[in-house]
Amino acid sequence: MRTTRNAIEHYEWRASEKEAKVILGNALSIAFEFAQVELGVDLAGDFKAHDTWRMLLDELYEFAGAHGARLERRLRAAGDHPTCCDQCGELTVPMRGGSCELCGHWQSIDDDA
């Protein structure tokens, strides 16, 4: 993020739409994680309360991928082995099933699988 910020401020910075979406997706993911971990504020919960969260997941795939990867790392750091969500496709469902950490889809894990 710092490199991108410096490029914007100090140089004649240009980016394709795809590059801009990757930068924006990563920046949003960093902001959500920082607010949660460092400030104890659940911004994601606020966004999930209305259509903004669904729009981010459906229209800004780069955000879904970046934030899904952060949530997967958080689950693994807590000793969990997340499974793939049937709805969003990210490894963000706790190993025993339940609500996807990214999209909220409820998913049961078949013990016989």
PDB file of N, CA and C in Angstrom:
ATOM      1  N   MET A   1       0.827  -1.192   0.000  1.00  0.00           N
ATOM      2  CA  MET A   1       0.000   0.000   0.000  1.00  0.00           C
ATOM      3  C   MET A   1       0.872   1.257   0.000  1.00  0.00           C
ATOM      4  N   ARG A   2       1.938   1.206   0.757  1.00  0.00           N
ATOM      5  CA  ARG A   2       2.825   2.367   0.832  1.00  0.00           C
ATOM      6  C   ARG A   2       3.449   2.666  -0.537  1.00  0.00           C
ATOM      7  N   THR A   3       3.864   1.622  -1.240  1.00  0.00           N
ATOM      8  CA  THR A   3       4.460   1.792  -2.567  1.00  0.00           C
ATOM      9  C   THR A   3       3.460   2.425  -3.525  1.00  0.00           C
ATOM     10  N   THR A   4       2.229   1.969  -3.487  1.00  0.00           N
ATOM     11  CA  THR A   4       1.191   2.527  -4.349  1.00  0.00           C
ATOM     12  C   THR A   4       0.920   3.978  -3.994  1.00  0.00           C
ATOM     13  N   ARG A   5       0.810   4.270  -2.725  1.00  0.00           N
ATOM     14  CA  ARG A   5       0.588   5.641  -2.278  1.00  0.00           C
ATOM     15  C   ARG A   5       1.703   6.559  -2.733  1.00  0.00           C
ATOM     16  N   ASN A   6       2.952   6.123  -2.585  1.00  0.00           N
ATOM     17  CA  ASN A   6       4.089   6.938  -3.012  1.00  0.00           C
ATOM     18  C   ASN A   6       4.084   7.159  -4.524  1.00  0.00           C
ATOM     19  N   ALA A   7       3.732   6.113  -5.262  1.00  0.00           N
ATOM     20  CA  ALA A   7       3.674   6.242  -6.724  1.00  0.00           C
ATOM     21  C   ALA A   7       2.609   7.255  -7.134  1.00  0.00           C
ATOM     22  N   ILE A   8       1.473   7.232  -6.471  1.00  0.00           N
ATOM     23  CA  ILE A   8       0.394   8.170  -6.787  1.00  0.00           C
ATOM     24  C   ILE A   8       0.827   9.595  -6.465  1.00  0.00           C
ATOM     25  N   GLU A   9       1.449   9.774  -5.327  1.00  0.00           N
ATOM     26  CA  GLU A   9       1.815  11.118  -4.874  1.00  0.00           C
ATOM     27  C   GLU A   9       3.018  11.700  -5.617  1.00  0.00           C
ATOM     28  N   HIS A  10       4.011  10.899  -5.901  1.00  0.00           N
ATOM     29  CA  HIS A  10       5.279  11.432  -6.399  1.00  0.00           C
ATOM     30  C   HIS A  10       5.529  11.234  -7.892  1.00  0.00           C
ATOM     31  N   TYR A  11       4.751  10.432  -8.548  1.00  0.00           N
ATOM     32  CA  TYR A  11       5.003  10.130  -9.954  1.00  0.00           C
ATOM     33  C   TYR A  11       3.729  10.288 -10.759  1.00  0.00           C
ATOM     34  N   GLU A  12       3.873  10.245 -12.050  1.00  0.00           N
ATOM     35  CA  GLU A  12       2.714  10.255 -12.923  1.00  0.00           C
ATOM     36  C   GLU A  12       2.203   8.823 -12.983  1.00  0.00           C
ATOM     37  N   TRP A  13       1.385   8.471 -12.026  1.00  0.00           N
ATOM     38  CA  TRP A  13       0.958   7.089 -11.808  1.00  0.00           C
ATOM     39  C   TRP A  13      -0.205   6.738 -12.722  1.00  0.00           C
ATOM     40  N   ARG A  14      -0.122   5.548 -13.280  1.00  0.00           N
ATOM     41  CA  ARG A  14      -1.205   5.035 -14.118  1.00  0.00           C
ATOM     42  C   ARG A  14      -1.428   3.573 -13.765  1.00  0.00           C
ATOM     43  N   ALA A  15      -2.661   3.159 -13.892  1.00  0.00           N
ATOM     44  CA  ALA A  15      -2.996   1.755 -13.641  1.00  0.00           C
ATOM     45  C   ALA A  15      -4.162   1.369 -14.540  1.00  0.00           C
ATOM     46  N   SER A  16      -4.153   0.120 -14.925  1.00  0.00           N
ATOM     47  CA  SER A  16      -5.294  -0.391 -15.684  1.00  0.00           C
ATOM     48  C   SER A  16      -6.461  -0.586 -14.716  1.00  0.00           C
ATOM     49  N   GLU A  17      -7.619  -0.817 -15.246  1.00  0.00           N
ATOM     50  CA  GLU A  17      -8.788  -1.056 -14.392  1.00  0.00           C
ATOM     51  C   GLU A  17      -8.551  -2.286 -13.516  1.00  0.00           C
ATOM     52  N   LYS A  18      -7.983  -3.333 -14.090  1.00  0.00           N
ATOM     53  CA  LYS A  18      -7.700  -4.563 -13.348  1.00  0.00           C
ATOM     54  C   LYS A  18      -6.723  -4.283 -12.203  1.00  0.00           C
ATOM     55  N   GLU A  19      -5.644  -3.537 -12.487  1.00  0.00           N
ATOM     56  CA  GLU A  19      -4.671  -3.201 -11.435  1.00  0.00           C
ATOM     57  C   GLU A  19      -5.317  -2.371 -10.331  1.00  0.00           C
ATOM     58  N   ALA A  20      -6.157  -1.416 -10.717  1.00  0.00           N
ATOM     59  CA  ALA A  20      -6.837  -0.579  -9.732  1.00  0.00           C
ATOM     60  C   ALA A  20      -7.757  -1.421  -8.843  1.00  0.00           C
ATOM     61  N   LYS A  21      -8.442  -2.398  -9.429  1.00  0.00           N
ATOM     62  CA  LYS A  21      -9.323  -3.256  -8.644  1.00  0.00           C
ATOM     63  C   LYS A  21      -8.532  -4.123  -7.671  1.00  0.00           C
ATOM     64  N   VAL A  22      -7.379  -4.613  -8.089  1.00  0.00           N
ATOM     65  CA  VAL A  22      -6.533  -5.401  -7.191  1.00  0.00           C
ATOM     66  C   VAL A  22      -6.069  -4.539  -6.023  1.00  0.00           C
ATOM     67  N   ILE A  23      -5.619  -3.329  -6.321  1.00  0.00           N
ATOM     68  CA  ILE A  23      -5.160  -2.411  -5.266  1.00  0.00           C
ATOM     69  C   ILE A  23      -6.306  -2.077  -4.322  1.00  0.00           C
ATOM     70  N   LEU A  24      -7.470  -1.752  -4.862  1.00  0.00           N
ATOM     71  CA  LEU A  24      -8.632  -1.413  -4.040  1.00  0.00           C
ATOM     72  C   LEU A  24      -9.087  -2.609  -3.204  1.00  0.00           C
ATOM     73  N   GLY A  25      -9.133  -3.788  -3.804  1.00  0.00           N
ATOM     74  CA  GLY A  25      -9.536  -4.992  -3.068  1.00  0.00           C
ATOM     75  C   GLY A  25      -8.613  -5.269  -1.899  1.00  0.00           C
ATOM     76  N   ASN A  26      -7.300  -5.159  -2.126  1.00  0.00           N
ATOM     77  CA  ASN A  26      -6.335  -5.369  -1.046  1.00  0.00           C
ATOM     78  C   ASN A  26      -6.457  -4.297   0.025  1.00  0.00           C
ATOM     79  N   ALA A  27      -6.626  -3.051  -0.393  1.00  0.00           N
ATOM     80  CA  ALA A  27      -6.739  -1.947   0.571  1.00  0.00           C
ATOM     81  C   ALA A  27      -7.968  -2.116   1.462  1.00  0.00           C
ATOM     82  N   LEU A  28      -9.094  -2.489   0.868  1.00  0.00           N
ATOM     83  CA  LEU A  28     -10.301  -2.705   1.673  1.00  0.00           C
ATOM     84  C   LEU A  28     -10.109  -3.850   2.661  1.00  0.00           C
ATOM     85  N   SER A  29      -9.489  -4.918   2.205  1.00  0.00           N
ATOM     86  CA  SER A  29      -9.245  -6.055   3.080  1.00  0.00           C
ATOM     87  C   SER A  29      -8.340  -5.665   4.244  1.00  0.00           C
ATOM     88  N   ILE A  30      -7.283  -4.924   3.956  1.00  0.00           N
ATOM     89  CA  ILE A  30      -6.377  -4.443   5.011  1.00  0.00           C
ATOM     90  C   ILE A  30      -7.138  -3.573   5.999  1.00  0.00           C
ATOM     91  N   ALA A  31      -7.992  -2.681   5.496  1.00  0.00           N
ATOM     92  CA  ALA A  31      -8.753  -1.792   6.375  1.00  0.00           C
ATOM     93  C   ALA A  31      -9.687  -2.578   7.294  1.00  0.00           C
ATOM     94  N   PHE A  32     -10.390  -3.569   6.743  1.00  0.00           N
ATOM     95  CA  PHE A  32     -11.291  -4.380   7.565  1.00  0.00           C
ATOM     96  C   PHE A  32     -10.514  -5.141   8.641  1.00  0.00           C
ATOM     97  N   GLU A  33      -9.394  -5.743   8.249  1.00  0.00           N
ATOM     98  CA  GLU A  33      -8.608  -6.505   9.222  1.00  0.00           C
ATOM     99  C   GLU A  33      -7.995  -5.592  10.283  1.00  0.00           C
ATOM    100  N   PHE A  34      -7.460  -4.459   9.877  1.00  0.00           N
ATOM    101  CA  PHE A  34      -6.875  -3.521  10.827  1.00  0.00           C
ATOM    102  C   PHE A  34      -7.917  -3.060  11.838  1.00  0.00           C
ATOM    103  N   ALA A  35      -9.097  -2.697  11.350  1.00  0.00           N
ATOM    104  CA  ALA A  35     -10.157  -2.253  12.256  1.00  0.00           C
ATOM    105  C   ALA A  35     -10.519  -3.341  13.255  1.00  0.00           C
ATOM    106  N   GLN A  36     -10.615  -4.578  12.788  1.00  0.00           N
ATOM    107  CA  GLN A  36     -10.985  -5.695  13.663  1.00  0.00           C
ATOM    108  C   GLN A  36      -9.899  -6.005  14.685  1.00  0.00           C
ATOM    109  N   VAL A  37      -8.672  -6.186  14.203  1.00  0.00           N
ATOM    110  CA  VAL A  37      -7.581  -6.653  15.060  1.00  0.00           C
ATOM    111  C   VAL A  37      -7.037  -5.544  15.953  1.00  0.00           C
ATOM    112  N   GLU A  38      -6.795  -4.380  15.386  1.00  0.00           N
ATOM    113  CA  GLU A  38      -6.128  -3.316  16.129  1.00  0.00           C
ATOM    114  C   GLU A  38      -7.079  -2.391  16.886  1.00  0.00           C
ATOM    115  N   LEU A  39      -8.281  -2.211  16.354  1.00  0.00           N
ATOM    116  CA  LEU A  39      -9.219  -1.269  16.963  1.00  0.00           C
ATOM    117  C   LEU A  39     -10.403  -1.940  17.641  1.00  0.00           C
ATOM    118  N   GLY A  40     -10.579  -3.232  17.372  1.00  0.00           N
ATOM    119  CA  GLY A  40     -11.722  -3.938  17.942  1.00  0.00           C
ATOM    120  C   GLY A  40     -13.051  -3.485  17.354  1.00  0.00           C
ATOM    121  N   VAL A  41     -13.018  -2.988  16.127  1.00  0.00           N
ATOM    122  CA  VAL A  41     -14.216  -2.499  15.451  1.00  0.00           C
ATOM    123  C   VAL A  41     -14.543  -3.441  14.293  1.00  0.00           C
ATOM    124  N   ASP A  42     -15.774  -3.921  14.260  1.00  0.00           N
ATOM    125  CA  ASP A  42     -16.193  -4.856  13.219  1.00  0.00           C
ATOM    126  C   ASP A  42     -16.817  -4.103  12.053  1.00  0.00           C
ATOM    127  N   LEU A  43     -15.963  -3.511  11.207  1.00  0.00           N
ATOM    128  CA  LEU A  43     -16.466  -2.810  10.024  1.00  0.00           C
ATOM    129  C   LEU A  43     -17.185  -3.765   9.080  1.00  0.00           C
ATOM    130  N   ALA A  44     -16.665  -4.984   8.967  1.00  0.00           N
ATOM    131  CA  ALA A  44     -17.305  -5.959   8.094  1.00  0.00           C
ATOM    132  C   ALA A  44     -18.746  -6.194   8.534  1.00  0.00           C
ATOM    133  N   GLY A  45     -18.971  -6.285   9.830  1.00  0.00           N
ATOM    134  CA  GLY A  45     -20.327  -6.469  10.345  1.00  0.00           C
ATOM    135  C   GLY A  45     -21.243  -5.321   9.955  1.00  0.00           C
ATOM    136  N   ASP A  46     -20.705  -4.097  10.002  1.00  0.00           N
ATOM    137  CA  ASP A  46     -21.492  -2.933   9.590  1.00  0.00           C
ATOM    138  C   ASP A  46     -21.839  -3.015   8.106  1.00  0.00           C
ATOM    139  N   PHE A  47     -20.878  -3.417   7.281  1.00  0.00           N
ATOM    140  CA  PHE A  47     -21.122  -3.522   5.846  1.00  0.00           C
ATOM    141  C   PHE A  47     -22.073  -4.674   5.533  1.00  0.00           C
ATOM    142  N   LYS A  48     -22.011  -5.738   6.326  1.00  0.00           N
ATOM    143  CA  LYS A  48     -22.890  -6.888   6.103  1.00  0.00           C
ATOM    144  C   LYS A  48     -24.339  -6.567   6.448  1.00  0.00           C
ATOM    145  N   ALA A  49     -24.566  -5.517   7.229  1.00  0.00           N
ATOM    146  CA  ALA A  49     -25.919  -5.147   7.641  1.00  0.00           C
ATOM    147  C   ALA A  49     -26.758  -4.616   6.476  1.00  0.00           C
ATOM    148  N   HIS A  50     -26.129  -4.287   5.378  1.00  0.00           N
ATOM    149  CA  HIS A  50     -26.863  -3.841   4.189  1.00  0.00           C
ATOM    150  C   HIS A  50     -26.192  -4.409   2.934  1.00  0.00           C
ATOM    151  N   ASP A  51     -26.598  -3.974   1.785  1.00  0.00           N
ATOM    152  CA  ASP A  51     -26.179  -4.586   0.523  1.00  0.00           C
ATOM    153  C   ASP A  51     -24.723  -4.342   0.126  1.00  0.00           C
ATOM    154  N   THR A  52     -24.010  -3.472   0.834  1.00  0.00           N
ATOM    155  CA  THR A  52     -22.648  -3.129   0.430  1.00  0.00           C
ATOM    156  C   THR A  52     -21.737  -4.343   0.445  1.00  0.00           C
ATOM    157  N   TRP A  53     -21.840  -5.181   1.466  1.00  0.00           N
ATOM    158  CA  TRP A  53     -20.968  -6.362   1.559  1.00  0.00           C
ATOM    159  C   TRP A  53     -21.211  -7.311   0.390  1.00  0.00           C
ATOM    160  N   ARG A  54     -22.469  -7.579   0.099  1.00  0.00           N
ATOM    161  CA  ARG A  54     -22.822  -8.472  -1.009  1.00  0.00           C
ATOM    162  C   ARG A  54     -22.312  -7.895  -2.328  1.00  0.00           C
ATOM    163  N   MET A  55     -22.436  -6.575  -2.504  1.00  0.00           N
ATOM    164  CA  MET A  55     -21.947  -5.925  -3.715  1.00  0.00           C
ATOM    165  C   MET A  55     -20.427  -6.089  -3.825  1.00  0.00           C
ATOM    166  N   LEU A  56     -19.695  -5.914  -2.718  1.00  0.00           N
ATOM    167  CA  LEU A  56     -18.241  -6.090  -2.745  1.00  0.00           C
ATOM    168  C   LEU A  56     -17.879  -7.507  -3.180  1.00  0.00           C
ATOM    169  N   LEU A  57     -18.559  -8.501  -2.628  1.00  0.00           N
ATOM    170  CA  LEU A  57     -18.260  -9.894  -2.970  1.00  0.00           C
ATOM    171  C   LEU A  57     -18.642 -10.231  -4.402  1.00  0.00           C
ATOM    172  N   ASP A  58     -19.774  -9.702  -4.862  1.00  0.00           N
ATOM    173  CA  ASP A  58     -20.266 -10.035  -6.198  1.00  0.00           C
ATOM    174  C   ASP A  58     -19.587  -9.255  -7.319  1.00  0.00           C
ATOM    175  N   GLU A  59     -19.172  -8.026  -7.027  1.00  0.00           N
ATOM    176  CA  GLU A  59     -18.666  -7.168  -8.098  1.00  0.00           C
ATOM    177  C   GLU A  59     -17.168  -6.871  -8.016  1.00  0.00           C
ATOM    178  N   LEU A  60     -16.570  -7.005  -6.850  1.00  0.00           N
ATOM    179  CA  LEU A  60     -15.136  -6.738  -6.713  1.00  0.00           C
ATOM    180  C   LEU A  60     -14.465  -8.038  -6.280  1.00  0.00           C
ATOM    181  N   TYR A  61     -14.287  -8.933  -7.268  1.00  0.00           N
ATOM    182  CA  TYR A  61     -13.732 -10.259  -7.003  1.00  0.00           C
ATOM    183  C   TYR A  61     -12.369 -10.175  -6.337  1.00  0.00           C
ATOM    184  N   GLU A  62     -11.631  -9.134  -6.657  1.00  0.00           N
ATOM    185  CA  GLU A  62     -10.301  -8.959  -6.081  1.00  0.00           C
ATOM    186  C   GLU A  62     -10.387  -8.775  -4.565  1.00  0.00           C
ATOM    187  N   PHE A  63     -11.437  -8.102  -4.096  1.00  0.00           N
ATOM    188  CA  PHE A  63     -11.645  -7.965  -2.658  1.00  0.00           C
ATOM    189  C   PHE A  63     -11.991  -9.323  -2.053  1.00  0.00           C
ATOM    190  N   ALA A  64     -12.903 -10.044  -2.676  1.00  0.00           N
ATOM    191  CA  ALA A  64     -13.314 -11.344  -2.144  1.00  0.00           C
ATOM    192  C   ALA A  64     -12.112 -12.272  -2.023  1.00  0.00           C
ATOM    193  N   GLY A  65     -11.258 -12.302  -3.028  1.00  0.00           N
ATOM    194  CA  GLY A  65     -10.067 -13.156  -2.979  1.00  0.00           C
ATOM    195  C   GLY A  65      -9.083 -12.717  -1.914  1.00  0.00           C
ATOM    196  N   ALA A  66      -8.819 -11.415  -1.845  1.00  0.00           N
ATOM    197  CA  ALA A  66      -7.855 -10.897  -0.870  1.00  0.00           C
ATOM    198  C   ALA A  66      -8.364 -11.082   0.558  1.00  0.00           C
ATOM    199  N   HIS A  67      -9.628 -10.760   0.784  1.00  0.00           N
ATOM    200  CA  HIS A  67     -10.167 -10.873   2.141  1.00  0.00           C
ATOM    201  C   HIS A  67     -10.375 -12.337   2.525  1.00  0.00           C
ATOM    202  N   GLY A  68     -10.773 -13.152   1.556  1.00  0.00           N
ATOM    203  CA  GLY A  68     -10.903 -14.585   1.813  1.00  0.00           C
ATOM    204  C   GLY A  68      -9.571 -15.183   2.254  1.00  0.00           C
ATOM    205  N   ALA A  69      -8.481 -14.777   1.611  1.00  0.00           N
ATOM    206  CA  ALA A  69      -7.152 -15.277   1.976  1.00  0.00           C
ATOM    207  C   ALA A  69      -6.771 -14.831   3.391  1.00  0.00           C
ATOM    208  N   ARG A  70      -7.110 -13.597   3.755  1.00  0.00           N
ATOM    209  CA  ARG A  70      -6.825 -13.113   5.127  1.00  0.00           C
ATOM    210  C   ARG A  70      -7.620 -13.913   6.163  1.00  0.00           C
ATOM    211  N   LEU A  71      -8.895 -14.152   5.856  1.00  0.00           N
ATOM    212  CA  LEU A  71      -9.729 -14.919   6.790  1.00  0.00           C
ATOM    213  C   LEU A  71      -9.243 -16.354   6.901  1.00  0.00           C
ATOM    214  N   GLU A  72      -8.813 -16.935   5.793  1.00  0.00           N
ATOM    215  CA  GLU A  72      -8.267 -18.293   5.834  1.00  0.00           C
ATOM    216  C   GLU A  72      -7.024 -18.341   6.726  1.00  0.00           C
ATOM    217  N   ARG A  73      -6.129 -17.372   6.578  1.00  0.00           N
ATOM    218  CA  ARG A  73      -4.924 -17.332   7.419  1.00  0.00           C
ATOM    219  C   ARG A  73      -5.292 -17.195   8.895  1.00  0.00           C
ATOM    220  N   ARG A  74      -6.291 -16.375   9.185  1.00  0.00           N
ATOM    221  CA  ARG A  74      -6.730 -16.192  10.577  1.00  0.00           C
ATOM    222  C   ARG A  74      -7.280 -17.507  11.139  1.00  0.00           C
ATOM    223  N   LEU A  75      -8.088 -18.228  10.356  1.00  0.00           N
ATOM    224  CA  LEU A  75      -8.623 -19.513  10.802  1.00  0.00           C
ATOM    225  C   LEU A  75      -7.495 -20.519  11.045  1.00  0.00           C
ATOM    226  N   ARG A  76      -6.538 -20.579  10.128  1.00  0.00           N
ATOM    227  CA  ARG A  76      -5.417 -21.513  10.278  1.00  0.00           C
ATOM    228  C   ARG A  76      -4.554 -21.155  11.485  1.00  0.00           C
ATOM    229  N   ALA A  77      -4.346 -19.871  11.718  1.00  0.00           N
ATOM    230  CA  ALA A  77      -3.553 -19.438  12.878  1.00  0.00           C
ATOM    231  C   ALA A  77      -4.231 -19.826  14.188  1.00  0.00           C
ATOM    232  N   ALA A  78      -5.555 -19.938  14.159  1.00  0.00           N
ATOM    233  CA  ALA A  78      -6.313 -20.347  15.345  1.00  0.00           C
ATOM    234  C   ALA A  78      -6.391 -21.863  15.475  1.00  0.00           C
ATOM    235  N   GLY A  79      -5.688 -22.593  14.588  1.00  0.00           N
ATOM    236  CA  GLY A  79      -5.670 -24.052  14.659  1.00  0.00           C
ATOM    237  C   GLY A  79      -6.774 -24.730  13.890  1.00  0.00           C
ATOM    238  N   ASP A  80      -7.522 -23.978  13.107  1.00  0.00           N
ATOM    239  CA  ASP A  80      -8.615 -24.541  12.321  1.00  0.00           C
ATOM    240  C   ASP A  80      -8.081 -24.966  10.948  1.00  0.00           C
ATOM    241  N   HIS A  81      -8.796 -25.841  10.299  1.00  0.00           N
ATOM    242  CA  HIS A  81      -8.477 -26.264   8.936  1.00  0.00           C
ATOM    243  C   HIS A  81      -9.717 -25.984   8.096  1.00  0.00           C
ATOM    244  N   PRO A  82      -9.835 -24.759   7.595  1.00  0.00           N
ATOM    245  CA  PRO A  82     -11.070 -24.359   6.911  1.00  0.00           C
ATOM    246  C   PRO A  82     -11.320 -25.142   5.633  1.00  0.00           C
ATOM    247  N   THR A  83     -12.595 -25.231   5.291  1.00  0.00           N
ATOM    248  CA  THR A  83     -13.005 -25.892   4.064  1.00  0.00           C
ATOM    249  C   THR A  83     -13.551 -24.840   3.093  1.00  0.00           C
ATOM    250  N   CYS A  84     -13.738 -25.260   1.882  1.00  0.00           N
ATOM    251  CA  CYS A  84     -14.190 -24.367   0.814  1.00  0.00           C
ATOM    252  C   CYS A  84     -15.692 -24.113   0.940  1.00  0.00           C
ATOM    253  N   CYS A  85     -16.066 -22.871   0.842  1.00  0.00           N
ATOM    254  CA  CYS A  85     -17.479 -22.489   0.893  1.00  0.00           C
ATOM    255  C   CYS A  85     -18.148 -22.817  -0.439  1.00  0.00           C
ATOM    256  N   ASP A  86     -19.297 -23.473  -0.376  1.00  0.00           N
ATOM    257  CA  ASP A  86     -20.047 -23.809  -1.584  1.00  0.00           C
ATOM    258  C   ASP A  86     -20.565 -22.565  -2.304  1.00  0.00           C
ATOM    259  N   GLN A  87     -20.748 -21.476  -1.565  1.00  0.00           N
ATOM    260  CA  GLN A  87     -21.315 -20.255  -2.136  1.00  0.00           C
ATOM    261  C   GLN A  87     -20.266 -19.345  -2.769  1.00  0.00           C
ATOM    262  N   CYS A  88     -19.219 -18.980  -2.009  1.00  0.00           N
ATOM    263  CA  CYS A  88     -18.239 -18.008  -2.521  1.00  0.00           C
ATOM    264  C   CYS A  88     -16.958 -18.652  -3.040  1.00  0.00           C
ATOM    265  N   GLY A  89     -16.729 -19.919  -2.716  1.00  0.00           N
ATOM    266  CA  GLY A  89     -15.566 -20.624  -3.224  1.00  0.00           C
ATOM    267  C   GLY A  89     -14.270 -20.381  -2.476  1.00  0.00           C
ATOM    268  N   GLU A  90     -14.313 -19.648  -1.385  1.00  0.00           N
ATOM    269  CA  GLU A  90     -13.108 -19.363  -0.607  1.00  0.00           C
ATOM    270  C   GLU A  90     -12.969 -20.374   0.543  1.00  0.00           C
ATOM    271  N   LEU A  91     -11.750 -20.584   1.008  1.00  0.00           N
ATOM    272  CA  LEU A  91     -11.485 -21.489   2.143  1.00  0.00           C
ATOM    273  C   LEU A  91     -11.751 -20.757   3.452  1.00  0.00           C
ATOM    274  N   THR A  92     -13.019 -20.494   3.706  1.00  0.00           N
ATOM    275  CA  THR A  92     -13.395 -19.655   4.842  1.00  0.00           C
ATOM    276  C   THR A  92     -14.506 -20.245   5.706  1.00  0.00           C
ATOM    277  N   VAL A  93     -14.742 -21.543   5.579  1.00  0.00           N
ATOM    278  CA  VAL A  93     -15.725 -22.215   6.428  1.00  0.00           C
ATOM    279  C   VAL A  93     -14.961 -22.997   7.494  1.00  0.00           C
ATOM    280  N   PRO A  94     -15.248 -22.755   8.774  1.00  0.00           N
ATOM    281  CA  PRO A  94     -14.560 -23.520   9.825  1.00  0.00           C
ATOM    282  C   PRO A  94     -14.698 -25.020   9.584  1.00  0.00           C
ATOM    283  N   MET A  95     -13.714 -25.792  10.024  1.00  0.00           N
ATOM    284  CA  MET A  95     -13.656 -27.223   9.699  1.00  0.00           C
ATOM    285  C   MET A  95     -14.870 -28.004  10.175  1.00  0.00           C
ATOM    286  N   ARG A  96     -15.554 -27.560  11.182  1.00  0.00           N
ATOM    287  CA  ARG A  96     -16.733 -28.282  11.674  1.00  0.00           C
ATOM    288  C   ARG A  96     -18.020 -27.777  11.027  1.00  0.00           C
ATOM    289  N   GLY A  97     -17.878 -26.867  10.073  1.00  0.00           N
ATOM    290  CA  GLY A  97     -19.043 -26.316   9.400  1.00  0.00           C
ATOM    291  C   GLY A  97     -19.530 -25.066  10.104  1.00  0.00           C
ATOM    292  N   GLY A  98     -20.611 -24.551   9.611  1.00  0.00           N
ATOM    293  CA  GLY A  98     -21.170 -23.333  10.166  1.00  0.00           C
ATOM    294  C   GLY A  98     -21.208 -22.232   9.126  1.00  0.00           C
ATOM    295  N   SER A  99     -21.121 -21.024   9.584  1.00  0.00           N
ATOM    296  CA  SER A  99     -21.227 -19.868   8.722  1.00  0.00           C
ATOM    297  C   SER A  99     -19.880 -19.530   8.088  1.00  0.00           C
ATOM    298  N   CYS A 100     -19.878 -19.310   6.780  1.00  0.00           N
ATOM    299  CA  CYS A 100     -18.668 -18.892   6.075  1.00  0.00           C
ATOM    300  C   CYS A 100     -18.231 -17.548   6.641  1.00  0.00           C
ATOM    301  N   GLU A 101     -16.960 -17.438   6.959  1.00  0.00           N
ATOM    302  CA  GLU A 101     -16.419 -16.204   7.523  1.00  0.00           C
ATOM    303  C   GLU A 101     -16.459 -15.052   6.525  1.00  0.00           C
ATOM    304  N   LEU A 102     -16.523 -15.362   5.233  1.00  0.00           N
ATOM    305  CA  LEU A 102     -16.516 -14.311   4.215  1.00  0.00           C
ATOM    306  C   LEU A 102     -17.927 -13.912   3.797  1.00  0.00           C
ATOM    307  N   CYS A 103     -18.702 -14.870   3.323  1.00  0.00           N
ATOM    308  CA  CYS A 103     -20.009 -14.511   2.744  1.00  0.00           C
ATOM    309  C   CYS A 103     -21.191 -14.787   3.662  1.00  0.00           C
ATOM    310  N   GLY A 104     -20.982 -15.531   4.739  1.00  0.00           N
ATOM    311  CA  GLY A 104     -22.059 -15.806   5.680  1.00  0.00           C
ATOM    312  C   GLY A 104     -22.911 -17.012   5.337  1.00  0.00           C
ATOM    313  N   HIS A 105     -22.634 -17.663   4.214  1.00  0.00           N
ATOM    314  CA  HIS A 105     -23.391 -18.850   3.802  1.00  0.00           C
ATOM    315  C   HIS A 105     -23.253 -19.941   4.866  1.00  0.00           C
ATOM    316  N   TRP A 106     -24.381 -20.533   5.271  1.00  0.00           N
ATOM    317  CA  TRP A 106     -24.364 -21.619   6.254  1.00  0.00           C
ATOM    318  C   TRP A 106     -24.061 -22.917   5.535  1.00  0.00           C
ATOM    319  N   GLN A 107     -23.083 -23.649   6.064  1.00  0.00           N
ATOM    320  CA  GLN A 107     -22.665 -24.869   5.391  1.00  0.00           C
ATOM    321  C   GLN A 107     -22.404 -25.968   6.423  1.00  0.00           C
ATOM    322  N   SER A 108     -23.069 -27.091   6.233  1.00  0.00           N
ATOM    323  CA  SER A 108     -22.818 -28.251   7.075  1.00  0.00           C
ATOM    324  C   SER A 108     -21.702 -29.070   6.444  1.00  0.00           C
ATOM    325  N   ILE A 109     -20.824 -29.610   7.275  1.00  0.00           N
ATOM    326  CA  ILE A 109     -19.744 -30.448   6.797  1.00  0.00           C
ATOM    327  C   ILE A 109     -20.134 -31.890   7.064  1.00  0.00           C
ATOM    328  N   ASP A 110     -20.169 -32.710   6.015  1.00  0.00           N
ATOM    329  CA  ASP A 110     -20.518 -34.116   6.127  1.00  0.00           C
ATOM    330  C   ASP A 110     -19.399 -34.869   6.800  1.00  0.00           C
ATOM    331  N   ASP A 111     -19.633 -35.448   7.976  1.00  0.00           N
ATOM    332  CA  ASP A 111     -18.617 -36.165   8.719  1.00  0.00           C
ATOM    333  C   ASP A 111     -18.139 -37.418   7.998  1.00  0.00           C
ATOM    334  N   ASP A 112     -18.944 -37.962   7.085  1.00  0.00           N
ATOM    335  CA  ASP A 112     -18.576 -39.171   6.379  1.00  0.00           C
ATOM    336  C   ASP A 112     -17.674 -38.906   5.169  1.00  0.00           C
ATOM    337  N   ALA A 113     -17.542 -37.638   4.793  1.00  0.00           N
ATOM    338  CA  ALA A 113     -16.742 -37.306   3.597  1.00  0.00           C
ATOM    339  C   ALA A 113     -15.273 -37.463   3.848  1.00  0.00           C
TER     340      ALA A 113
END
